[in-house]
Amino acid sequence: MPTPNRHTVKNIEKLTRQFDDDMLLSLLDDDSDTDSNRADNLTALQQKLSEELAQQQDYQRVQAELQDTVLSLADYLNAVQLVVTETFAHSVWVKAEIRSLSTKGGHYYFELADKDDSGKITASCRGNLWRGQATKLLKKFEQNTGMALDKGLNVMLNVTASFHPQYGFAVTILDIDPTYTLGDLAQQYQKMLARLMEEGLLDLNKSLPLPFDIQNVLVIAPENAAGLGDFRADADRLAATGACHFYYQHATFQGNHAPQEIREAIRKGVKSLDQQGITPDILVIIRGGGAVGDLAYLNDYELAALVAEQPIPVWVGIGHERDHVILDEVAQISFDTPSKVIAGIRNHLINVTQSAKQAFLAIEKTALQSLTQARRDSEQQFIRVQQLAHNQLNLAKQAIHQQLDSIKQASFYQIKTARQHAEQLRAMILLQHPTQVLAKGYAIVRDDQAQIITSIHDTAPNTPLAIALKDGVIHATVTDIEPN
């Protein structure tokens, strides 16, 4: 059956235009050599045009014959199979994303797709890698990329088209270009770095200060992994001393679901510790070595952004010394292996302890120097106080002596004055003595009770009186009282 090529008409028109142009050029060119070349070119164009016209005529004839023909589905699909086989018999290189991959009996079955910039699928088909080619191609891919062929990878495949009336359209994979996949992964990695840098996340966790002390550590790691075992060998010894405490959350670090599981483990671990009133000093993410393809699952933007935005320092130890993932770019500190992470924690604690010891010794030295200086100052102050006290005592003694002399002089003066006054009083008393008074002609009158009478009111008529004179006593009785 002739091939109904949909481009035949366009090819005829193109050849016709080219033929007309060449004819015009040949008429305008006078060079004989050029005319000869033009003639050859025109002959070739005429031949191609004739072939295209013949194909178009055959196609139109077949179309006319089939116009009123009714075919079974099998006949029609067999015709389609023949057209596909004849038209696409040669192999071509195509770029596609592996959406799914399965194997059976040594054969590999792919679901391939093409996407636009928004991630929308614009084309898809099945792909088959037969057993005879599979072992060689997959081995070559793994040796060159360090990873196994898996879904989610962008690949460049050398394929031929095939159509089966029962199974539909598919491509048969003849070869795989590993350099394209490596370049695509590197390009995606650089895009992630650029995005993290643009959004201010690349150095965000690095800007956090190192913890002064590490008491609580949240560890995210695959469960029962060898790398975790190496980490715990030293971590358990540190925990046994009480130096720090480790809290473990497990997640899968391999496969397309690994980034999501790690993100969930981080959130779950932080939330669990927060409910216990514990704030981890650092977040540790560790995984032992593995194939490059296994580690490539960790090159995920959302995971890197979550790690970068953690409010606590993140320490990462993934793979071996040669391995590097996007988490190494955003973490505060990146170690080569899980063992080096726990060594870093141990060294940090040792440095803190040594710093504390040095600070204690410095404090002790300063305290001793301060005590010594204080003792010297106290002794000097004591001596000074003694001197001042001695001086004050001497001054007080001098003042006391002066005061004593003054008191003595004042006392002598007071005694002398008192003695003079006493003499004066004695003289006055002697002058007022009754005998002296009586001698001057005065008398002392007493009643019958021997009470001195000084007023006419102290006595009454018929009252007996005793009148003392200087030379005796007269007894009389009151007969009459006359007031002045």
Protein backbone atom coordinates (compact mmCIF):
# COMPACT_ATOMS: atom_id res chain seq x y z
CA MET A 1 0.00 0.00 0.00
CA PRO A 2 1.49 3.46 -0.89
CA THR A 3 2.31 5.64 2.02
CA PRO A 4 -0.19 8.52 2.39
CA ASN A 5 2.40 11.13 3.41
CA ARG A 6 0.67 14.27 4.68
CA HIS A 7 3.72 16.38 3.73
CA THR A 8 3.74 15.38 0.07
CA VAL A 9 1.75 18.39 -1.14
CA LYS A 10 3.95 20.82 0.79
CA ASN A 11 7.08 19.14 -0.60
CA ILE A 12 5.72 19.45 -4.15
CA GLU A 13 4.96 23.14 -3.64
CA LYS A 14 8.42 23.72 -2.18
CA LEU A 15 10.13 21.87 -5.02
CA THR A 16 8.04 23.76 -7.56
CA ARG A 17 9.02 27.13 -6.08
CA GLN A 18 12.66 26.04 -5.99
CA PHE A 19 12.42 24.87 -9.61
CA ASP A 20 10.96 28.22 -10.73
CA ASP A 21 13.62 30.18 -8.84
CA ASP A 22 16.42 28.11 -10.34
CA MET A 23 14.98 28.57 -13.84
CA LEU A 24 14.95 32.36 -13.37
CA LEU A 25 18.49 32.37 -12.04
CA SER A 26 19.70 30.27 -14.97
CA LEU A 27 18.21 32.77 -17.42
CA LEU A 28 19.91 35.71 -15.70
CA ASP A 29 23.33 34.05 -15.41
CA ASP A 30 25.60 34.22 -18.56
CA ASP A 31 28.46 32.10 -17.13
CA SER A 32 28.72 28.85 -19.15
CA ASP A 33 30.14 26.86 -16.20
CA THR A 34 27.32 28.10 -14.05
CA ASP A 35 24.80 27.14 -16.75
CA SER A 36 26.14 23.60 -16.69
CA ASN A 37 25.79 23.41 -12.90
CA ARG A 38 22.35 24.97 -13.08
CA ALA A 39 21.30 22.37 -15.61
CA ASP A 40 22.39 19.55 -13.35
CA ASN A 41 20.55 21.08 -10.40
CA LEU A 42 17.42 21.59 -12.43
CA THR A 43 17.52 18.02 -13.63
CA ALA A 44 17.75 16.79 -10.04
CA LEU A 45 14.88 19.05 -8.99
CA GLN A 46 12.77 17.84 -11.91
CA GLN A 47 13.41 14.25 -10.89
CA LYS A 48 12.44 14.94 -7.25
CA LEU A 49 9.35 16.79 -8.40
CA SER A 50 8.35 13.88 -10.61
CA GLU A 51 8.74 11.45 -7.71
CA GLU A 52 6.68 13.63 -5.39
CA LEU A 53 3.97 14.02 -8.03
CA ALA A 54 3.90 10.27 -8.56
CA GLN A 55 3.52 9.68 -4.81
CA GLN A 56 0.73 12.24 -4.65
CA GLN A 57 -1.04 10.59 -7.57
CA ASP A 58 -0.71 7.18 -5.91
CA TYR A 59 -2.04 8.61 -2.65
CA GLN A 60 -5.01 10.20 -4.42
CA ARG A 61 -5.73 6.94 -6.26
CA VAL A 62 -5.68 4.98 -3.01
CA GLN A 63 -7.89 7.56 -1.32
CA ALA A 64 -10.36 7.24 -4.20
CA GLU A 65 -10.32 3.44 -3.95
CA LEU A 66 -10.83 3.54 -0.16
CA GLN A 67 -13.48 6.23 -0.19
CA ASP A 68 -16.36 3.78 -0.24
CA THR A 69 -14.51 0.88 1.37
CA VAL A 70 -15.55 -0.41 4.83
CA LEU A 71 -12.66 -1.97 6.83
CA SER A 72 -12.66 -4.02 9.99
CA LEU A 73 -10.90 -2.50 12.95
CA ALA A 74 -8.17 -5.11 12.63
CA ASP A 75 -7.62 -4.31 8.95
CA TYR A 76 -7.56 -0.61 9.65
CA LEU A 77 -5.12 -0.94 12.57
CA ASN A 78 -2.97 -3.31 10.51
CA ALA A 79 -2.86 -0.59 7.88
CA VAL A 80 -1.89 1.95 10.52
CA GLN A 81 0.79 -0.47 11.75
CA LEU A 82 2.15 -0.76 8.23
CA VAL A 83 2.19 3.01 7.81
CA VAL A 84 3.97 3.54 11.13
CA THR A 85 6.46 0.79 10.40
CA GLU A 86 7.33 2.11 6.94
CA THR A 87 7.31 5.80 7.88
CA PHE A 88 9.20 5.58 11.19
CA ALA A 89 11.48 2.64 10.46
CA HIS A 90 14.55 4.70 11.38
CA SER A 91 15.50 5.46 14.99
CA VAL A 92 15.53 8.96 16.50
CA TRP A 93 16.65 10.50 19.81
CA VAL A 94 13.82 11.81 21.96
CA LYS A 95 13.75 13.53 25.36
CA ALA A 96 11.17 12.45 27.91
CA GLU A 97 10.45 12.04 31.60
CA ILE A 98 9.98 8.57 33.06
CA ARG A 99 6.58 8.66 34.76
CA SER A 100 6.59 4.99 35.74
CA LEU A 101 8.81 1.96 35.33
CA SER A 102 8.17 -1.74 35.83
CA THR A 103 9.89 -4.96 34.90
CA LYS A 104 8.75 -8.46 34.07
CA GLY A 105 10.72 -11.37 32.79
CA GLY A 106 13.77 -9.22 32.19
CA HIS A 107 11.82 -6.75 30.05
CA TYR A 108 11.32 -3.14 31.21
CA TYR A 109 8.13 -1.20 30.59
CA PHE A 110 8.08 2.59 30.74
CA GLU A 111 5.44 5.29 30.81
CA LEU A 112 7.08 8.27 29.12
CA ALA A 113 5.81 11.85 29.11
CA ASP A 114 6.66 15.34 27.96
CA LYS A 115 5.69 18.42 30.01
CA ASP A 116 5.50 22.14 29.37
CA ASP A 117 7.01 24.82 31.62
CA SER A 118 3.99 24.71 33.95
CA GLY A 119 4.38 20.96 34.49
CA LYS A 120 1.36 20.01 32.39
CA ILE A 121 1.74 16.81 30.38
CA THR A 122 1.64 17.58 26.68
CA ALA A 123 2.42 14.09 25.35
CA SER A 124 2.77 10.54 26.67
CA CYS A 125 3.30 7.03 25.42
CA ARG A 126 4.56 3.61 26.44
CA GLY A 127 8.17 2.56 26.04
CA ASN A 128 9.62 -0.94 25.93
CA LEU A 129 13.17 -1.98 26.71
CA TRP A 130 13.51 -5.60 25.75
CA ARG A 131 15.53 -8.07 27.73
CA GLY A 132 18.24 -8.44 25.09
CA GLN A 133 19.18 -4.76 25.38
CA ALA A 134 18.14 -4.05 28.98
CA THR A 135 21.12 -5.48 30.88
CA LYS A 136 23.70 -3.70 28.73
CA LEU A 137 21.91 -0.33 28.62
CA LEU A 138 21.02 -0.24 32.32
CA LYS A 139 24.56 -1.20 33.32
CA LYS A 140 25.98 1.56 31.12
CA PHE A 141 23.54 4.09 32.58
CA GLU A 142 24.39 3.17 36.19
CA GLN A 143 28.14 3.18 35.55
CA ASN A 144 28.02 6.65 34.00
CA THR A 145 25.48 8.30 36.30
CA GLY A 146 25.97 6.36 39.56
CA MET A 147 22.20 5.84 39.78
CA ALA A 148 19.61 3.38 38.68
CA LEU A 149 17.09 4.23 36.01
CA ASP A 150 13.91 5.22 37.85
CA LYS A 151 10.76 7.26 37.57
CA GLY A 152 11.07 11.00 37.80
CA LEU A 153 14.28 11.13 35.74
CA ASN A 154 14.57 13.04 32.49
CA VAL A 155 16.24 10.85 29.89
CA MET A 156 17.30 10.94 26.27
CA LEU A 157 16.34 7.73 24.47
CA ASN A 158 17.10 6.39 21.04
CA VAL A 159 13.81 4.86 19.93
CA THR A 160 11.87 3.47 17.04
CA ALA A 161 8.13 3.76 16.76
CA SER A 162 5.95 0.68 16.83
CA PHE A 163 2.23 0.15 16.58
CA HIS A 164 0.41 -3.05 17.44
CA PRO A 165 -3.25 -3.49 16.55
CA GLN A 166 -3.94 -5.01 19.96
CA TYR A 167 -1.54 -3.11 22.28
CA GLY A 168 -1.48 0.27 20.55
CA PHE A 169 1.41 2.67 20.06
CA ALA A 170 4.74 2.37 21.86
CA VAL A 171 8.39 3.13 21.30
CA THR A 172 11.13 0.56 21.46
CA ILE A 173 14.20 1.79 23.35
CA LEU A 174 17.44 1.05 21.57
CA ASP A 175 19.86 3.21 23.55
CA ILE A 176 20.02 5.64 26.51
CA ASP A 177 22.29 8.67 26.72
CA PRO A 178 23.44 8.93 30.38
CA THR A 179 25.18 12.29 29.84
CA TYR A 180 21.82 13.96 29.18
CA THR A 181 20.42 12.75 32.51
CA LEU A 182 23.53 13.90 34.35
CA GLY A 183 23.28 17.30 32.70
CA ASP A 184 19.59 17.56 33.50
CA LEU A 185 20.18 16.68 37.17
CA ALA A 186 23.00 19.21 37.37
CA GLN A 187 20.79 21.83 35.74
CA GLN A 188 17.98 21.14 38.22
CA TYR A 189 20.51 21.34 41.08
CA GLN A 190 21.75 24.73 39.89
CA LYS A 191 18.17 25.98 39.50
CA MET A 192 17.46 24.98 43.10
CA LEU A 193 20.58 26.78 44.29
CA ALA A 194 19.63 29.90 42.35
CA ARG A 195 16.09 29.85 43.76
CA LEU A 196 17.30 29.35 47.31
CA MET A 197 19.74 32.21 46.86
CA GLU A 198 17.08 34.47 45.33
CA GLU A 199 14.66 33.78 48.20
CA GLY A 200 17.33 34.40 50.86
CA LEU A 201 17.33 30.80 52.09
CA LEU A 202 20.76 29.57 51.05
CA ASP A 203 22.65 31.14 53.95
CA LEU A 204 19.73 31.59 56.37
CA ASN A 205 20.58 28.66 58.66
CA LYS A 206 24.30 29.40 58.39
CA SER A 207 23.63 32.84 59.88
CA LEU A 208 22.42 31.31 63.16
CA PRO A 209 24.97 31.37 66.00
CA LEU A 210 26.53 28.11 67.13
CA PRO A 211 24.92 26.81 70.32
CA PHE A 212 27.00 27.50 73.42
CA ASP A 213 26.11 24.09 74.79
CA ILE A 214 24.49 21.05 73.16
CA GLN A 215 22.12 19.35 75.57
CA ASN A 216 19.25 18.17 73.34
CA VAL A 217 19.71 16.83 69.80
CA LEU A 218 16.92 15.90 67.38
CA VAL A 219 18.16 13.27 64.91
CA ILE A 220 16.45 12.46 61.58
CA ALA A 221 17.74 9.25 60.01
CA PRO A 222 16.64 6.05 58.23
CA GLU A 223 15.69 3.38 60.75
CA ASN A 224 18.22 0.58 61.29
CA ALA A 225 20.62 2.11 58.76
CA ALA A 226 24.36 1.50 59.04
CA GLY A 227 25.07 5.22 59.18
CA LEU A 228 22.68 5.59 62.13
CA GLY A 229 24.45 2.70 63.87
CA ASP A 230 27.82 4.44 63.48
CA PHE A 231 26.30 7.63 64.84
CA ARG A 232 24.67 5.96 67.83
CA ALA A 233 27.84 4.11 68.83
CA ASP A 234 29.27 7.41 70.09
CA ALA A 235 25.94 9.13 70.76
CA ASP A 236 24.90 6.48 73.29
CA ARG A 237 28.19 6.89 75.15
CA LEU A 238 27.65 10.64 75.33
CA ALA A 239 24.09 10.15 76.50
CA ALA A 240 25.22 7.71 79.19
CA THR A 241 27.44 10.39 80.70
CA GLY A 242 24.52 12.82 80.79
CA ALA A 243 26.43 15.24 78.57
CA CYS A 244 23.52 15.47 76.12
CA HIS A 245 20.29 13.73 75.13
CA PHE A 246 19.36 12.41 71.68
CA TYR A 247 15.82 12.12 70.29
CA TYR A 248 15.34 10.08 67.11
CA GLN A 249 12.78 10.36 64.31
CA HIS A 250 12.98 7.93 61.40
CA ALA A 251 12.19 8.45 57.73
CA THR A 252 12.94 6.85 54.39
CA PHE A 253 15.82 8.55 52.59
CA GLN A 254 15.38 6.74 49.26
CA GLY A 255 12.67 6.95 46.62
CA ASN A 256 10.39 9.70 45.37
CA HIS A 257 8.52 9.83 48.67
CA ALA A 258 11.72 10.37 50.70
CA PRO A 259 11.65 14.22 50.77
CA GLN A 260 8.05 14.26 52.03
CA GLU A 261 8.80 11.66 54.73
CA ILE A 262 11.86 13.59 55.91
CA ARG A 263 9.85 16.83 56.09
CA GLU A 264 7.16 15.07 58.12
CA ALA A 265 9.79 13.56 60.44
CA ILE A 266 11.28 17.01 61.11
CA ARG A 267 7.89 18.53 61.90
CA LYS A 268 6.85 15.57 64.04
CA GLY A 269 10.13 15.54 65.98
CA VAL A 270 10.05 19.28 66.72
CA LYS A 271 6.39 19.12 67.76
CA SER A 272 6.96 16.10 70.03
CA LEU A 273 9.85 17.78 71.85
CA ASP A 274 7.89 21.03 72.14
CA GLN A 275 5.08 19.13 73.88
CA GLN A 276 7.67 17.91 76.40
CA GLY A 277 8.89 21.46 76.97
CA ILE A 278 12.19 20.71 75.19
CA THR A 279 13.82 22.93 72.58
CA PRO A 280 16.53 21.06 70.65
CA ASP A 281 19.87 22.83 70.46
CA ILE A 282 20.59 21.37 67.00
CA LEU A 283 18.79 19.34 64.33
CA VAL A 284 20.86 16.51 62.86
CA ILE A 285 20.04 14.86 59.49
CA ILE A 286 22.16 11.81 58.70
CA ARG A 287 22.27 9.00 56.18
CA GLY A 288 25.02 6.54 55.32
CA GLY A 289 26.63 6.25 51.92
CA GLY A 290 24.84 4.88 48.89
CA ALA A 291 24.45 5.17 45.17
CA VAL A 292 24.39 8.62 43.68
CA GLY A 293 20.89 7.94 42.45
CA ASP A 294 19.68 7.14 45.96
CA LEU A 295 21.08 10.40 47.30
CA ALA A 296 19.62 12.34 44.37
CA TYR A 297 16.17 11.94 45.91
CA LEU A 298 17.30 14.34 48.63
CA ASN A 299 17.83 17.13 46.09
CA ASP A 300 14.36 18.50 46.72
CA TYR A 301 13.58 22.23 46.94
CA GLU A 302 10.78 21.96 49.52
CA LEU A 303 12.98 19.86 51.81
CA ALA A 304 15.91 22.26 51.41
CA ALA A 305 13.67 25.26 52.14
CA LEU A 306 12.28 23.62 55.30
CA VAL A 307 15.80 22.87 56.55
CA ALA A 308 16.99 26.40 55.75
CA GLU A 309 14.07 27.94 57.66
CA GLN A 310 14.64 26.00 60.88
CA PRO A 311 15.12 28.37 63.86
CA ILE A 312 17.84 26.08 65.26
CA PRO A 313 21.18 25.10 63.69
CA VAL A 314 21.01 22.12 61.31
CA TRP A 315 23.99 19.77 61.03
CA VAL A 316 24.00 17.37 58.08
CA GLY A 317 26.02 14.21 57.46
CA ILE A 318 24.87 12.40 54.32
CA GLY A 319 26.76 9.77 52.35
CA HIS A 320 30.52 9.57 51.99
CA GLU A 321 33.18 12.21 51.46
CA ARG A 322 32.51 12.32 47.72
CA ASP A 323 28.75 12.75 48.09
CA HIS A 324 27.02 16.13 48.03
CA VAL A 325 23.32 17.02 48.12
CA ILE A 326 21.30 20.23 48.34
CA LEU A 327 20.96 19.83 52.13
CA ASP A 328 24.72 20.31 52.41
CA GLU A 329 24.24 23.74 50.82
CA VAL A 330 21.61 25.06 53.27
CA ALA A 331 22.71 23.45 56.55
CA GLN A 332 24.71 25.44 59.11
CA ILE A 333 27.43 22.76 59.07
CA SER A 334 27.87 19.96 56.54
CA PHE A 335 29.86 16.85 57.49
CA ASP A 336 31.05 14.09 55.17
CA THR A 337 29.54 11.19 57.13
CA PRO A 338 27.23 10.50 60.10
CA SER A 339 30.27 9.51 62.18
CA LYS A 340 31.79 12.94 61.64
CA VAL A 341 28.58 14.59 62.80
CA ILE A 342 28.70 12.88 66.21
CA ALA A 343 32.43 13.61 66.31
CA GLY A 344 31.60 17.27 65.70
CA ILE A 345 29.11 17.23 68.59
CA ARG A 346 31.65 15.54 70.86
CA ASN A 347 34.36 18.01 69.90
CA HIS A 348 31.98 20.91 70.48
CA LEU A 349 31.20 19.61 73.98
CA ILE A 350 34.92 19.10 74.64
CA ASN A 351 35.65 22.66 73.50
CA VAL A 352 32.83 24.00 75.68
CA THR A 353 34.13 22.01 78.65
CA GLN A 354 37.68 23.18 78.08
CA SER A 355 36.48 26.75 77.70
CA ALA A 356 34.51 26.39 80.93
CA LYS A 357 37.57 24.99 82.70
CA GLN A 358 39.73 27.80 81.37
CA ALA A 359 37.09 30.30 82.41
CA PHE A 360 36.93 28.67 85.88
CA LEU A 361 40.71 28.81 86.21
CA ALA A 362 40.69 32.42 85.05
CA ILE A 363 37.95 33.22 87.57
CA GLU A 364 39.84 31.38 90.28
CA LYS A 365 43.04 33.23 89.44
CA THR A 366 41.23 36.54 89.36
CA ALA A 367 39.49 35.72 92.65
CA LEU A 368 42.79 34.81 94.32
CA GLN A 369 44.40 37.98 93.03
CA SER A 370 41.40 39.96 94.24
CA LEU A 371 41.52 38.26 97.65
CA THR A 372 45.25 38.88 97.95
CA GLN A 373 44.82 42.49 96.98
CA ALA A 374 41.86 42.81 99.33
CA ARG A 375 43.92 41.32 102.15
CA ARG A 376 46.70 43.80 101.44
CA ASP A 377 44.22 46.63 101.29
CA SER A 378 42.63 45.43 104.54
CA GLU A 379 45.98 45.25 106.29
CA GLN A 380 46.88 48.71 105.06
CA GLN A 381 43.50 50.00 106.14
CA PHE A 382 43.88 48.28 109.54
CA ILE A 383 47.28 49.88 110.04
CA ARG A 384 45.87 53.20 108.99
CA VAL A 385 42.90 52.77 111.35
CA GLN A 386 45.29 51.86 114.17
CA GLN A 387 47.35 54.95 113.48
CA LEU A 388 44.27 57.12 113.27
CA ALA A 389 42.85 55.55 116.44
CA HIS A 390 46.16 56.05 118.26
CA ASN A 391 46.24 59.67 117.12
CA GLN A 392 42.64 60.12 118.19
CA LEU A 393 43.39 58.56 121.58
CA ASN A 394 46.36 60.85 122.06
CA LEU A 395 44.28 63.83 121.10
CA ALA A 396 41.47 62.61 123.40
CA LYS A 397 43.96 62.17 126.27
CA GLN A 398 45.30 65.66 125.70
CA ALA A 399 41.79 67.02 125.58
CA ILE A 400 40.89 65.08 128.75
CA HIS A 401 43.96 66.44 130.57
CA GLN A 402 43.09 69.91 129.42
CA GLN A 403 39.49 69.41 130.50
CA LEU A 404 40.67 67.96 133.83
CA ASP A 405 42.93 70.96 134.44
CA SER A 406 40.09 73.27 133.58
CA ILE A 407 37.74 71.33 135.89
CA LYS A 408 40.30 71.45 138.69
CA GLN A 409 40.77 75.17 138.31
CA ALA A 410 37.02 75.69 138.08
CA SER A 411 36.51 73.43 141.10
CA PHE A 412 39.08 75.26 143.15
CA TYR A 413 37.48 78.53 142.18
CA GLN A 414 34.01 77.20 143.02
CA ILE A 415 35.20 75.82 146.34
CA LYS A 416 36.90 79.08 147.19
CA THR A 417 33.81 81.06 146.22
CA ALA A 418 31.57 78.67 148.15
CA ARG A 419 33.80 78.91 151.17
CA GLN A 420 33.64 82.71 151.02
CA HIS A 421 29.88 82.60 150.61
CA ALA A 422 29.58 80.14 153.47
CA GLU A 423 31.59 82.42 155.67
CA GLN A 424 29.31 85.25 154.73
CA LEU A 425 26.24 83.15 155.48
CA ARG A 426 27.78 81.97 158.72
CA ALA A 427 28.40 85.53 159.71
CA MET A 428 24.85 86.40 158.79
CA ILE A 429 23.52 83.38 160.65
CA LEU A 430 25.55 84.24 163.68
CA LEU A 431 24.19 87.72 163.52
CA GLN A 432 20.67 86.32 163.46
CA HIS A 433 21.26 83.86 166.30
CA PRO A 434 18.47 84.15 169.02
CA THR A 435 20.99 85.03 171.68
CA GLN A 436 22.17 87.95 169.58
CA VAL A 437 18.58 88.96 168.92
CA LEU A 438 17.57 88.66 172.59
CA ALA A 439 20.62 90.65 173.59
CA LYS A 440 19.36 93.50 171.51
CA GLY A 441 16.13 93.66 173.59
CA TYR A 442 13.94 91.36 171.50
CA ALA A 443 11.87 88.55 173.13
CA ILE A 444 10.58 85.22 172.00
CA VAL A 445 6.92 84.45 172.84
CA ARG A 446 5.67 80.86 173.07
CA ASP A 447 2.25 79.46 173.93
CA ASP A 448 1.62 76.67 176.34
CA GLN A 449 2.51 74.21 173.57
CA ALA A 450 5.98 75.81 173.12
CA GLN A 451 4.95 77.11 169.71
CA ILE A 452 6.43 80.52 168.76
CA ILE A 453 3.78 83.14 168.42
CA THR A 454 4.41 85.69 165.71
CA SER A 455 0.90 87.19 165.35
CA ILE A 456 -1.95 88.30 167.64
CA HIS A 457 -4.06 85.78 165.83
CA ASP A 458 -1.98 82.91 167.18
CA THR A 459 -3.30 83.47 170.73
CA ALA A 460 -6.42 84.43 172.63
CA PRO A 461 -7.32 85.99 175.99
CA ASN A 462 -6.56 83.92 179.06
CA THR A 463 -3.93 82.01 177.14
CA PRO A 464 -0.77 81.30 179.14
CA LEU A 465 2.47 82.51 177.46
CA ALA A 466 6.19 82.06 178.03
CA ILE A 467 8.29 85.16 177.18
CA ALA A 468 11.99 84.44 176.67
CA LEU A 469 14.40 87.29 177.31
CA LYS A 470 18.18 87.39 177.17
CA ASP A 471 18.53 86.58 180.83
CA GLY A 472 15.38 84.49 181.58
CA VAL A 473 11.71 83.55 180.88
CA ILE A 474 8.59 85.39 181.98
CA HIS A 475 5.30 83.43 182.37
CA ALA A 476 2.20 85.55 181.74
CA THR A 477 -1.44 85.25 180.78
CA VAL A 478 -3.13 87.15 177.94
CA THR A 479 -5.66 89.57 179.31
CA ASP A 480 -6.36 91.68 176.27
CA ILE A 481 -5.38 91.79 172.55
CA GLU A 482 -5.04 95.07 170.66
CA PRO A 483 -4.39 95.02 166.90
CA ASN A 484 -2.15 97.64 165.28
